[in-house]
Amino acid sequence: MLTLVAVVEYAAGAEAAGQRYEDNVLALLDRHGGRLERRLRGTDGRAEVHVIRFDGRAGYESFLVDPERAALRTALGEAAPTTRVIEVHEG
């Protein structure tokens, strides 16, 4: 089991587009053995935090190179959010 926390920050003025992108990308998790455990939105609407679990590292790696995910990101261009991913464990 692989557990990740993703801190997603939206480009200024592109918050709605960024949220739609995240909606679409998170919907792809299942095909890679991933599950969204929690999705928390910042009170200012500029950021989100996701807790995501994958059955294993291979699923996460296949999610990263998913062609549909890449196409969605390319379509968003400079309005694409920036994401910092942290691998975590219970402790």
Protein backbone atom coordinates (compact mmCIF):
# COMPACT_ATOMS: atom_id res chain seq x y z
CA MET A 1 0.00 0.00 0.00
CA LEU A 2 1.28 3.45 -0.97
CA THR A 3 -0.21 6.54 0.71
CA LEU A 4 0.35 10.01 -0.70
CA VAL A 5 -0.64 13.53 0.26
CA ALA A 6 -0.91 15.95 -2.65
CA VAL A 7 -0.89 19.70 -2.04
CA VAL A 8 -2.48 21.30 -5.11
CA GLU A 9 -2.23 25.02 -5.74
CA TYR A 10 -4.28 26.72 -8.45
CA ALA A 11 -3.00 29.41 -10.75
CA ALA A 12 -4.39 32.85 -9.86
CA GLY A 13 -7.60 33.46 -11.78
CA ALA A 14 -7.84 29.82 -12.86
CA GLU A 15 -9.26 28.30 -9.69
CA ALA A 16 -12.47 27.00 -11.32
CA ALA A 17 -10.56 25.48 -14.25
CA GLY A 18 -8.09 23.91 -11.82
CA GLN A 19 -10.87 22.35 -9.76
CA ARG A 20 -12.48 20.89 -12.91
CA TYR A 21 -9.08 19.49 -13.92
CA GLU A 22 -8.67 17.87 -10.50
CA ASP A 23 -12.21 16.43 -10.71
CA ASN A 24 -11.30 14.79 -14.03
CA VAL A 25 -7.86 13.58 -12.98
CA LEU A 26 -9.03 12.14 -9.67
CA ALA A 27 -11.68 10.17 -11.59
CA LEU A 28 -8.79 8.30 -13.28
CA LEU A 29 -7.38 6.89 -10.03
CA ASP A 30 -9.49 3.73 -10.02
CA ARG A 31 -8.05 2.44 -13.29
CA HIS A 32 -4.60 2.48 -11.63
CA GLY A 33 -5.55 0.89 -8.32
CA GLY A 34 -5.83 4.26 -6.60
CA ARG A 35 -8.45 5.70 -4.25
CA LEU A 36 -9.10 9.20 -3.06
CA GLU A 37 -9.36 8.96 0.73
CA ARG A 38 -9.89 12.68 1.44
CA ARG A 39 -10.20 15.88 -0.55
CA LEU A 40 -9.94 19.06 1.45
CA ARG A 41 -10.32 22.52 -0.07
CA GLY A 42 -8.57 25.58 1.29
CA THR A 43 -10.86 28.25 2.66
CA ASP A 44 -9.49 30.77 0.15
CA GLY A 45 -10.32 28.51 -2.83
CA ARG A 46 -6.73 28.59 -4.10
CA ALA A 47 -5.56 25.16 -2.91
CA GLU A 48 -6.60 21.61 -2.12
CA VAL A 49 -5.08 18.73 -0.18
CA HIS A 50 -5.70 15.14 -1.29
CA VAL A 51 -4.98 11.93 0.59
CA ILE A 52 -4.61 9.18 -2.00
CA ARG A 53 -3.88 5.46 -1.63
CA PHE A 54 -2.57 3.13 -4.30
CA ASP A 55 -2.36 -0.65 -4.09
CA GLY A 56 1.34 -0.27 -4.92
CA ARG A 57 3.97 1.99 -6.45
CA ALA A 58 3.36 0.57 -9.94
CA GLY A 59 -0.20 1.94 -9.87
CA TYR A 60 1.03 5.41 -8.92
CA GLU A 61 3.65 5.33 -11.65
CA SER A 62 1.08 4.26 -14.26
CA PHE A 63 -1.25 7.05 -13.08
CA LEU A 64 1.53 9.60 -13.61
CA VAL A 65 1.95 8.59 -17.27
CA ASP A 66 -1.75 8.04 -18.03
CA PRO A 67 -2.29 9.54 -21.52
CA GLU A 68 -5.70 10.97 -20.59
CA ARG A 69 -4.18 12.70 -17.56
CA ALA A 70 -1.41 14.13 -19.74
CA ALA A 71 -3.92 15.36 -22.33
CA LEU A 72 -6.01 17.09 -19.65
CA ARG A 73 -2.92 18.83 -18.29
CA THR A 74 -1.75 19.91 -21.74
CA ALA A 75 -5.21 21.31 -22.54
CA LEU A 76 -5.09 23.46 -19.41
CA GLY A 77 -1.69 24.91 -20.32
CA GLU A 78 -0.40 27.62 -18.00
CA ALA A 79 -3.61 27.45 -15.96
CA ALA A 80 -2.65 23.94 -14.78
CA PRO A 81 -2.26 23.67 -11.01
CA THR A 82 1.06 22.96 -9.36
CA THR A 83 1.21 19.91 -7.12
CA ARG A 84 3.59 18.78 -4.42
CA VAL A 85 3.29 15.07 -3.57
CA ILE A 86 4.50 13.67 -0.25
CA GLU A 87 4.70 9.96 0.47
CA VAL A 88 3.42 9.37 4.00
CA HIS A 89 2.82 6.59 6.52
CA GLU A 90 0.90 6.26 9.76
CA GLY A 91 3.12 7.05 12.64
